[in-house]
Amino acid sequence: MKNLLFFFFFVVCFSSNGQIVLQADRVFDGEKIHMNWSVVVEKNMITYVGPTSALPSGVSYEFITLKNKTLMPGLIEGHSHLLLHPYNETSWNDQVLKESPVERAVRATVHAKSNLLSGITTMRDLGSEGAGYTDIYLKKTIEEGIIVGPRLIVAGPAIVATGAYGPKGFHDGVVVPLGAEPASGIDEVIKTVRTQIGNGADFIKIYSDYRWSPGQAAQPTFLQEEINAMVQTAKSAGTYVIAHASTPEGMKRAILGGVETIEHGDGATPEILKLMKDKGVALCPTLAAGDAIERYAGWDKNTMPDTERILNKKKSFQLALEANVSIVFGGDVGVFSHGENYRELELMVAYGMNSLEVLKSATSGNAKRLHLDTLGHIKQGFLADIIAVENNPIENIKAMQNVVFVMKDGVIYKNL
């Protein structure tokens, strides 16, 4: 309780109505690094970014000096599950079946804070995984200042083809909660999309393929016409659709249907990636989730050869880079610990992506892909979502493990 009270005291005390000047050794503005720059924040807006020597004079400033640090935009996590926690603690099935939505919501309040303090100032949450519209209420309580967390963009329950999703393994007389909302047929999928948007979903997530039975390989789920109908319905309502897809056919149907991002994409082929590039569809590879699942199964990356899953993940990611497909930073956090989002950044570099491009993906790139027009850059007129890390993450991406300063919407939540 003492630590909690101190945390909220800190937040209140560092909500300034004056002009704050942030000065660090370097500033990554979402595109490139600048030396000897200052950033001025007034209320929740960035009002000046540029050389310290040109800082407007005649103004009373409050200076915050961040020596040997890099200032950068708050990170935008593109694939998260606030209502899940690591599978080596509790399996996905047991979380859906045995943890009540109330328990999962309480856990999620802790997860939200952990993500924010690790530098994630915005999160796209890709489904409540059996907890209904709880993610929408989490978003509401953060916006109302009841709990602390990132800005949220939420999918609600998500949509899966009837019979395709789990939990499974029960006889047909047993009714269990499912990890997503089932629908089939043109009329029903249209109705489900409209219902979820009407209940507060910011966008629609569909499962374009999945395992029809436990242990089997993934297969396509929705027909092309069903995907087309869901995308058209979402667009008509002013939003968009993203797709879980790992098979070439599942990915192809989603891409042709008009989704904006493919989540996972493990089975991507050169032909599919070319189609993605041609159609402007981005890939969110969720490298850290695959890495975590293999580690839960006993794989030690430091002493053992890569598993088949890891080899396939590396191959599909490298093919995507070669095809120049836009990459969304999103690790599927929740499969692994909230607040360890840096694991995805490190794997993106380890699997072949340039560290500067990785940081751009997590800031300006995701802002563009997620339609966040005033986030992702340290730029005059943009919202003051700003973090600082030790040293230079372009030289060593592991610097992203050491977030020492977090500001969201002009409020300082962390300043070590």
Protein backbone atom coordinates (compact mmCIF):
# COMPACT_ATOMS: atom_id res chain seq x y z
CA MET A 1 0.00 0.00 0.00
CA LYS A 2 2.86 2.37 0.83
CA ASN A 3 4.44 1.81 -2.59
CA LEU A 4 1.08 2.29 -4.32
CA LEU A 5 0.47 5.59 -2.55
CA PHE A 6 3.97 6.79 -3.44
CA PHE A 7 3.36 5.88 -7.08
CA PHE A 8 0.19 7.95 -7.30
CA PHE A 9 1.80 10.81 -5.36
CA PHE A 10 4.63 10.78 -7.91
CA VAL A 11 2.22 10.92 -10.85
CA VAL A 12 0.21 13.80 -9.36
CA CYS A 13 3.31 15.80 -8.44
CA PHE A 14 4.78 15.53 -11.92
CA SER A 15 1.68 16.59 -13.83
CA SER A 16 2.94 20.07 -14.67
CA ASN A 17 0.95 22.98 -16.06
CA GLY A 18 4.16 24.81 -16.97
CA GLN A 19 6.65 24.09 -19.73
CA ILE A 20 8.95 21.14 -19.18
CA VAL A 21 12.23 20.92 -21.07
CA LEU A 22 13.57 17.41 -21.56
CA GLN A 23 17.28 17.29 -22.32
CA ALA A 24 19.13 14.06 -23.06
CA ASP A 25 22.32 13.15 -24.88
CA ARG A 26 20.34 12.23 -27.98
CA VAL A 27 16.79 12.33 -29.32
CA PHE A 28 15.31 9.68 -31.59
CA ASP A 29 12.34 11.48 -33.11
CA GLY A 30 10.73 8.41 -34.66
CA GLU A 31 12.85 8.59 -37.81
CA LYS A 32 16.46 9.35 -36.87
CA ILE A 33 18.84 10.32 -34.07
CA HIS A 34 19.65 13.95 -33.23
CA MET A 35 22.35 15.21 -30.89
CA ASN A 36 22.13 18.27 -28.62
CA TRP A 37 18.39 18.65 -29.00
CA SER A 38 15.79 19.66 -26.44
CA VAL A 39 12.10 18.76 -26.24
CA VAL A 40 9.59 21.18 -24.71
CA VAL A 41 6.28 19.89 -23.34
CA GLU A 42 3.38 22.10 -22.32
CA LYS A 43 0.42 20.32 -20.74
CA ASN A 44 0.01 17.25 -22.97
CA MET A 45 1.57 18.59 -26.17
CA ILE A 46 5.06 18.82 -27.60
CA THR A 47 5.61 22.51 -28.38
CA TYR A 48 9.26 22.56 -29.44
CA VAL A 49 11.74 20.01 -30.74
CA GLY A 50 15.11 21.06 -31.99
CA PRO A 51 18.62 22.28 -31.18
CA THR A 52 19.09 23.28 -27.57
CA SER A 53 20.86 26.40 -28.82
CA ALA A 54 17.61 27.53 -30.48
CA LEU A 55 15.40 26.95 -27.45
CA PRO A 56 12.95 29.88 -27.25
CA SER A 57 14.11 32.43 -24.67
CA GLY A 58 12.10 34.52 -22.24
CA VAL A 59 10.14 31.51 -20.99
CA SER A 60 10.15 30.00 -17.51
CA TYR A 61 11.05 26.36 -17.94
CA GLU A 62 11.29 23.36 -15.67
CA PHE A 63 14.34 21.38 -16.85
CA ILE A 64 14.66 17.60 -16.64
CA THR A 65 18.15 16.43 -17.56
CA LEU A 66 18.61 12.84 -18.66
CA LYS A 67 22.35 12.32 -18.87
CA ASN A 68 23.62 9.51 -21.10
CA LYS A 69 20.05 8.75 -22.13
CA THR A 70 18.13 8.60 -25.40
CA LEU A 71 14.74 10.29 -25.62
CA MET A 72 12.29 8.70 -27.99
CA PRO A 73 8.55 8.44 -28.66
CA GLY A 74 6.58 6.16 -26.39
CA LEU A 75 6.49 2.66 -27.82
CA ILE A 76 3.37 1.42 -29.59
CA GLU A 77 2.76 -2.28 -28.97
CA GLY A 78 0.90 -3.76 -31.94
CA HIS A 79 -0.13 -7.19 -30.60
CA SER A 80 -0.96 -7.66 -26.94
CA HIS A 81 -3.33 -9.51 -24.64
CA LEU A 82 -3.76 -7.67 -21.36
CA LEU A 83 -6.17 -10.36 -20.18
CA LEU A 84 -3.64 -13.17 -20.50
CA HIS A 85 -0.58 -13.99 -18.42
CA PRO A 86 2.35 -16.31 -19.23
CA TYR A 87 1.40 -19.84 -20.24
CA ASN A 88 4.09 -21.34 -18.01
CA GLU A 89 2.12 -19.93 -15.07
CA THR A 90 -1.31 -21.10 -16.23
CA SER A 91 -2.18 -22.69 -19.57
CA TRP A 92 -4.35 -20.78 -22.05
CA ASN A 93 -7.14 -23.34 -21.61
CA ASP A 94 -7.15 -22.95 -17.83
CA GLN A 95 -7.09 -19.16 -18.04
CA VAL A 96 -10.19 -19.22 -20.24
CA LEU A 97 -11.98 -22.00 -18.32
CA LYS A 98 -10.99 -21.45 -14.69
CA GLU A 99 -10.15 -17.77 -14.21
CA SER A 100 -13.26 -15.61 -14.00
CA PRO A 101 -13.49 -12.41 -16.04
CA VAL A 102 -13.31 -10.53 -12.74
CA GLU A 103 -10.03 -12.20 -11.76
CA ARG A 104 -8.64 -11.63 -15.23
CA ALA A 105 -9.63 -7.95 -15.11
CA VAL A 106 -7.84 -7.52 -11.78
CA ARG A 107 -4.72 -9.13 -13.22
CA ALA A 108 -5.00 -6.88 -16.27
CA THR A 109 -4.82 -3.74 -14.15
CA VAL A 110 -1.39 -4.92 -12.99
CA HIS A 111 -0.41 -5.84 -16.55
CA ALA A 112 -1.42 -2.41 -17.82
CA LYS A 113 0.81 -0.64 -15.32
CA SER A 114 3.73 -2.98 -16.08
CA ASN A 115 3.48 -2.25 -19.79
CA LEU A 116 3.34 1.50 -19.28
CA LEU A 117 6.36 1.58 -16.98
CA SER A 118 8.33 -0.46 -19.51
CA GLY A 119 7.84 2.29 -22.09
CA ILE A 120 4.68 1.09 -23.84
CA THR A 121 2.46 4.18 -23.98
CA THR A 122 0.01 2.74 -26.53
CA MET A 123 -1.19 -0.86 -26.96
CA ARG A 124 -3.32 -2.55 -29.57
CA ASP A 125 -5.02 -5.36 -27.67
CA LEU A 126 -6.01 -8.22 -29.96
CA GLY A 127 -8.84 -9.93 -28.18
CA SER A 128 -10.03 -10.64 -24.66
CA GLU A 129 -9.59 -14.43 -25.14
CA GLY A 130 -12.83 -15.48 -23.52
CA ALA A 131 -13.35 -12.45 -21.27
CA GLY A 132 -16.00 -10.79 -23.44
CA TYR A 133 -15.71 -7.02 -23.59
CA THR A 134 -13.48 -6.68 -20.53
CA ASP A 135 -10.73 -5.06 -22.63
CA ILE A 136 -13.14 -2.26 -23.52
CA TYR A 137 -13.82 -1.59 -19.84
CA LEU A 138 -10.09 -1.62 -19.12
CA LYS A 139 -9.67 1.05 -21.77
CA LYS A 140 -12.48 3.06 -20.18
CA THR A 141 -11.00 2.90 -16.68
CA ILE A 142 -7.57 3.98 -17.96
CA GLU A 143 -9.09 6.90 -19.84
CA GLU A 144 -11.02 7.94 -16.74
CA GLY A 145 -7.86 7.82 -14.60
CA ILE A 146 -9.14 5.02 -12.37
CA ILE A 147 -6.16 2.78 -13.20
CA VAL A 148 -2.78 3.45 -14.77
CA GLY A 149 -1.90 2.07 -18.18
CA PRO A 150 -1.15 2.76 -21.83
CA ARG A 151 -3.58 4.19 -24.34
CA LEU A 152 -5.57 1.19 -25.55
CA ILE A 153 -6.94 0.24 -28.96
CA VAL A 154 -9.07 -2.84 -28.38
CA ALA A 155 -10.67 -5.61 -30.44
CA GLY A 156 -13.24 -6.92 -27.96
CA PRO A 157 -13.96 -10.67 -28.19
CA ALA A 158 -12.60 -11.23 -31.76
CA ILE A 159 -14.38 -13.43 -34.32
CA VAL A 160 -13.70 -17.05 -35.23
CA ALA A 161 -15.48 -19.49 -37.54
CA THR A 162 -17.97 -21.73 -35.76
CA GLY A 163 -16.27 -24.84 -34.41
CA ALA A 164 -12.73 -23.66 -35.04
CA TYR A 165 -11.57 -22.22 -31.71
CA GLY A 166 -10.98 -23.60 -28.24
CA PRO A 167 -10.99 -24.60 -25.52
CA LYS A 168 -11.68 -28.07 -26.95
CA GLY A 169 -11.65 -31.72 -25.86
CA PHE A 170 -15.13 -31.90 -24.31
CA HIS A 171 -18.06 -34.04 -25.45
CA ASP A 172 -20.83 -32.33 -27.37
CA GLY A 173 -23.06 -32.03 -24.33
CA VAL A 174 -20.64 -29.76 -22.49
CA VAL A 175 -20.82 -26.03 -23.11
CA VAL A 176 -17.65 -24.12 -22.26
CA PRO A 177 -16.62 -20.47 -22.67
CA LEU A 178 -14.76 -19.92 -25.92
CA GLY A 179 -11.72 -17.76 -26.59
CA ALA A 180 -13.50 -15.79 -29.31
CA GLU A 181 -17.02 -15.24 -30.64
CA PRO A 182 -18.07 -17.83 -33.24
CA ALA A 183 -19.94 -16.92 -36.43
CA SER A 184 -20.73 -18.52 -39.78
CA GLY A 185 -22.40 -17.40 -43.00
CA ILE A 186 -22.60 -13.98 -44.58
CA ASP A 187 -25.52 -12.68 -42.53
CA GLU A 188 -24.13 -13.89 -39.21
CA VAL A 189 -20.59 -12.56 -39.70
CA ILE A 190 -21.97 -9.17 -40.72
CA LYS A 191 -24.17 -9.11 -37.62
CA THR A 192 -21.25 -10.12 -35.38
CA VAL A 193 -18.98 -7.40 -36.75
CA ARG A 194 -21.67 -4.78 -36.23
CA THR A 195 -22.40 -6.03 -32.72
CA GLN A 196 -18.77 -5.92 -31.65
CA ILE A 197 -18.25 -2.43 -33.08
CA GLY A 198 -21.46 -1.29 -31.43
CA ASN A 199 -20.24 -2.66 -28.11
CA GLY A 200 -17.04 -0.63 -28.30
CA ALA A 201 -14.48 -2.57 -30.34
CA ASP A 202 -12.09 -0.14 -32.05
CA PHE A 203 -11.38 -2.62 -34.85
CA ILE A 204 -12.19 -6.23 -35.72
CA LYS A 205 -9.92 -9.22 -35.31
CA ILE A 206 -10.72 -12.41 -37.20
CA TYR A 207 -9.11 -15.84 -37.26
CA SER A 208 -8.50 -16.63 -40.91
CA ASP A 209 -7.13 -20.04 -40.02
CA TYR A 210 -6.81 -22.22 -36.93
CA ARG A 211 -6.53 -25.82 -35.73
CA TRP A 212 -9.91 -27.53 -36.17
CA SER A 213 -8.84 -30.20 -33.69
CA PRO A 214 -6.17 -30.10 -30.95
CA GLY A 215 -2.77 -31.16 -32.22
CA GLN A 216 -3.68 -30.87 -35.89
CA ALA A 217 -2.15 -28.44 -38.36
CA ALA A 218 -3.94 -25.13 -38.89
CA GLN A 219 -6.41 -24.92 -41.77
CA PRO A 220 -8.41 -22.04 -43.27
CA THR A 221 -11.61 -21.19 -41.40
CA PHE A 222 -13.71 -18.46 -43.01
CA LEU A 223 -14.64 -18.61 -46.68
CA GLN A 224 -13.43 -15.81 -48.91
CA GLU A 225 -16.95 -14.39 -49.12
CA GLU A 226 -17.26 -14.31 -45.35
CA ILE A 227 -13.97 -12.42 -44.95
CA ASN A 228 -14.95 -10.00 -47.71
CA ALA A 229 -18.24 -9.31 -45.93
CA MET A 230 -16.58 -8.68 -42.56
CA VAL A 231 -14.04 -6.28 -44.04
CA GLN A 232 -16.69 -4.39 -46.00
CA THR A 233 -18.89 -4.14 -42.91
CA ALA A 234 -16.04 -2.82 -40.75
CA LYS A 235 -14.99 -0.29 -43.39
CA SER A 236 -18.58 0.89 -43.71
CA ALA A 237 -18.51 1.55 -39.96
CA GLY A 238 -15.27 3.53 -40.24
CA THR A 239 -12.84 0.93 -38.96
CA TYR A 240 -10.73 -2.00 -40.15
CA VAL A 241 -10.03 -5.73 -39.82
CA ILE A 242 -6.86 -7.59 -38.91
CA ALA A 243 -6.36 -11.35 -39.22
CA HIS A 244 -4.70 -14.10 -37.25
CA ALA A 245 -3.23 -16.22 -40.05
CA SER A 246 -0.33 -18.64 -40.31
CA THR A 247 -1.09 -20.77 -43.38
CA PRO A 248 -0.56 -19.60 -46.96
CA GLU A 249 -4.24 -20.08 -47.83
CA GLY A 250 -5.48 -18.40 -44.66
CA MET A 251 -3.17 -15.48 -45.29
CA LYS A 252 -4.19 -15.27 -48.95
CA ARG A 253 -7.90 -15.11 -48.16
CA ALA A 254 -7.34 -12.42 -45.53
CA ILE A 255 -5.14 -10.34 -47.82
CA LEU A 256 -7.56 -10.57 -50.76
CA GLY A 257 -10.39 -9.73 -48.39
CA GLY A 258 -8.76 -6.44 -47.44
CA VAL A 259 -7.40 -6.87 -43.92
CA GLU A 260 -4.78 -4.35 -42.80
CA THR A 261 -2.37 -6.63 -40.94
CA ILE A 262 -1.55 -10.32 -40.79
CA GLU A 263 -0.76 -11.54 -37.29
CA HIS A 264 1.90 -14.29 -36.95
CA GLY A 265 2.35 -15.26 -40.60
CA ASP A 266 4.53 -18.27 -39.82
CA GLY A 267 3.81 -20.02 -43.12
CA ALA A 268 4.41 -17.01 -45.33
CA THR A 269 5.82 -17.84 -48.77
CA PRO A 270 7.50 -15.48 -51.26
CA GLU A 271 4.28 -15.44 -53.29
CA ILE A 272 2.14 -14.54 -50.27
CA LEU A 273 4.58 -11.86 -49.15
CA LYS A 274 4.58 -10.33 -52.64
CA LEU A 275 0.79 -10.20 -52.46
CA MET A 276 1.04 -8.50 -49.07
CA LYS A 277 3.46 -5.94 -50.46
CA ASP A 278 1.30 -5.30 -53.50
CA LYS A 279 -1.85 -4.87 -51.38
CA GLY A 280 -0.16 -2.79 -48.66
CA VAL A 281 -0.79 -5.35 -45.92
CA ALA A 282 1.63 -5.34 -42.98
CA LEU A 283 3.00 -8.29 -41.02
CA CYS A 284 3.04 -8.52 -37.23
CA PRO A 285 5.37 -11.53 -36.75
CA THR A 286 5.03 -12.02 -32.95
CA LEU A 287 8.52 -13.49 -32.72
CA ALA A 288 8.65 -13.34 -28.93
CA ALA A 289 5.54 -15.49 -28.51
CA GLY A 290 7.02 -18.35 -30.53
CA ASP A 291 10.30 -18.00 -28.66
CA ALA A 292 8.51 -18.10 -25.29
CA ILE A 293 6.38 -21.14 -26.16
CA GLU A 294 9.46 -23.11 -27.20
CA ARG A 295 11.22 -22.14 -23.99
CA TYR A 296 8.21 -23.28 -21.95
CA ALA A 297 8.58 -26.66 -23.70
CA GLY A 298 12.20 -26.96 -22.50
CA TRP A 299 14.18 -25.34 -25.31
CA ASP A 300 17.32 -23.49 -24.17
CA LYS A 301 18.33 -21.07 -26.90
CA ASN A 302 21.82 -20.71 -25.45
CA THR A 303 22.73 -24.41 -25.47
CA MET A 304 20.37 -26.12 -27.92
CA PRO A 305 19.96 -25.89 -31.70
CA ASP A 306 16.94 -24.01 -33.01
CA THR A 307 13.69 -25.96 -32.99
CA GLU A 308 11.65 -26.39 -36.15
CA ARG A 309 9.29 -23.65 -35.00
CA ILE A 310 12.14 -21.19 -34.45
CA LEU A 311 13.75 -22.07 -37.79
CA ASN A 312 10.45 -21.50 -39.58
CA LYS A 313 9.90 -18.22 -37.75
CA LYS A 314 13.34 -16.94 -38.70
CA LYS A 315 12.80 -17.98 -42.31
CA SER A 316 9.38 -16.33 -42.68
CA PHE A 317 10.61 -13.12 -41.02
CA GLN A 318 13.68 -12.94 -43.25
CA LEU A 319 11.52 -13.55 -46.32
CA ALA A 320 9.27 -10.68 -45.22
CA LEU A 321 12.27 -8.37 -44.88
CA GLU A 322 13.48 -9.37 -48.34
CA ALA A 323 10.03 -8.69 -49.78
CA ASN A 324 10.05 -5.25 -48.12
CA VAL A 325 6.77 -5.95 -46.34
CA SER A 326 5.93 -3.41 -43.65
CA ILE A 327 6.66 -4.88 -40.19
CA VAL A 328 4.49 -4.14 -37.16
CA PHE A 329 6.15 -4.33 -33.76
CA GLY A 330 4.00 -6.62 -31.64
CA GLY A 331 5.18 -9.53 -29.54
CA ASP A 332 1.90 -11.15 -28.41
CA VAL A 333 2.73 -10.06 -24.87
CA GLY A 334 0.60 -11.97 -22.41
CA VAL A 335 1.98 -15.22 -23.78
CA PHE A 336 5.08 -13.97 -21.94
CA SER A 337 5.38 -11.45 -19.12
CA HIS A 338 3.88 -8.01 -19.47
CA GLY A 339 6.60 -5.41 -19.23
CA GLU A 340 9.07 -7.58 -21.13
CA ASN A 341 7.93 -6.24 -24.50
CA TYR A 342 11.59 -5.53 -25.33
CA ARG A 343 11.95 -9.23 -26.12
CA GLU A 344 10.24 -8.68 -29.47
CA LEU A 345 12.57 -5.77 -30.30
CA GLU A 346 15.63 -7.88 -29.53
CA LEU A 347 14.41 -10.80 -31.65
CA MET A 348 13.58 -8.54 -34.57
CA VAL A 349 17.23 -7.48 -34.56
CA ALA A 350 18.51 -11.02 -33.94
CA TYR A 351 16.46 -12.32 -36.88
CA GLY A 352 17.89 -9.78 -39.28
CA MET A 353 16.18 -6.38 -39.03
CA ASN A 354 18.27 -3.22 -38.70
CA SER A 355 17.99 -1.72 -35.21
CA LEU A 356 16.99 1.70 -36.55
CA GLU A 357 14.19 0.10 -38.57
CA VAL A 358 13.09 -1.83 -35.48
CA LEU A 359 12.76 1.39 -33.47
CA LYS A 360 10.89 3.05 -36.33
CA SER A 361 8.52 0.07 -36.46
CA ALA A 362 7.79 0.44 -32.74
CA THR A 363 7.13 4.19 -33.00
CA SER A 364 6.40 6.05 -36.24
CA GLY A 365 5.71 2.87 -38.21
CA ASN A 366 3.10 1.54 -35.82
CA ALA A 367 1.56 5.00 -35.50
CA LYS A 368 0.99 5.00 -39.24
CA ARG A 369 -0.31 1.44 -39.36
CA LEU A 370 -2.63 1.91 -36.38
CA HIS A 371 -3.98 5.27 -37.62
CA LEU A 372 -2.52 7.27 -34.72
CA ASP A 373 -1.97 10.63 -36.35
CA THR A 374 -0.52 12.48 -33.33
CA LEU A 375 1.65 9.71 -31.88
CA GLY A 376 4.84 7.89 -32.81
CA HIS A 377 7.00 10.98 -33.34
CA ILE A 378 8.70 13.52 -31.14
CA LYS A 379 7.43 16.43 -33.14
CA GLN A 380 5.85 19.82 -32.52
CA GLY A 381 2.08 19.51 -32.25
CA PHE A 382 2.17 15.83 -31.32
CA LEU A 383 0.97 14.36 -28.04
CA ALA A 384 3.63 14.15 -25.33
CA ASP A 385 4.15 10.39 -25.13
CA ILE A 386 7.90 10.26 -24.52
CA ILE A 387 10.27 7.76 -22.94
CA ALA A 388 14.00 7.63 -22.25
CA VAL A 389 16.37 4.67 -22.15
CA GLU A 390 19.94 4.24 -21.01
CA ASN A 391 22.62 4.69 -23.68
CA ASN A 392 21.89 4.34 -27.41
CA PRO A 393 19.45 1.60 -28.50
CA ILE A 394 20.51 1.91 -32.13
CA GLU A 395 23.99 0.77 -31.13
CA ASN A 396 22.64 -1.92 -28.80
CA ILE A 397 18.94 -2.81 -28.84
CA LYS A 398 19.26 -4.30 -25.33
CA ALA A 399 19.19 -0.71 -24.09
CA MET A 400 15.41 -0.99 -24.46
CA GLN A 401 15.41 -3.15 -21.33
CA ASN A 402 16.36 -0.09 -19.28
CA VAL A 403 13.52 2.42 -19.61
CA VAL A 404 14.21 5.13 -17.03
CA PHE A 405 11.67 7.79 -17.97
CA VAL A 406 8.04 7.49 -19.06
CA MET A 407 5.69 10.33 -19.96
CA LYS A 408 2.21 9.68 -21.33
CA ASP A 409 -0.03 12.56 -22.37
CA GLY A 410 2.28 15.02 -20.64
CA VAL A 411 2.19 13.18 -17.29
CA ILE A 412 5.40 11.68 -15.93
CA TYR A 413 4.91 8.16 -14.59
CA LYS A 414 8.56 7.20 -14.19
CA ASN A 415 11.77 9.16 -13.74
CA LEU A 416 14.59 7.13 -12.23
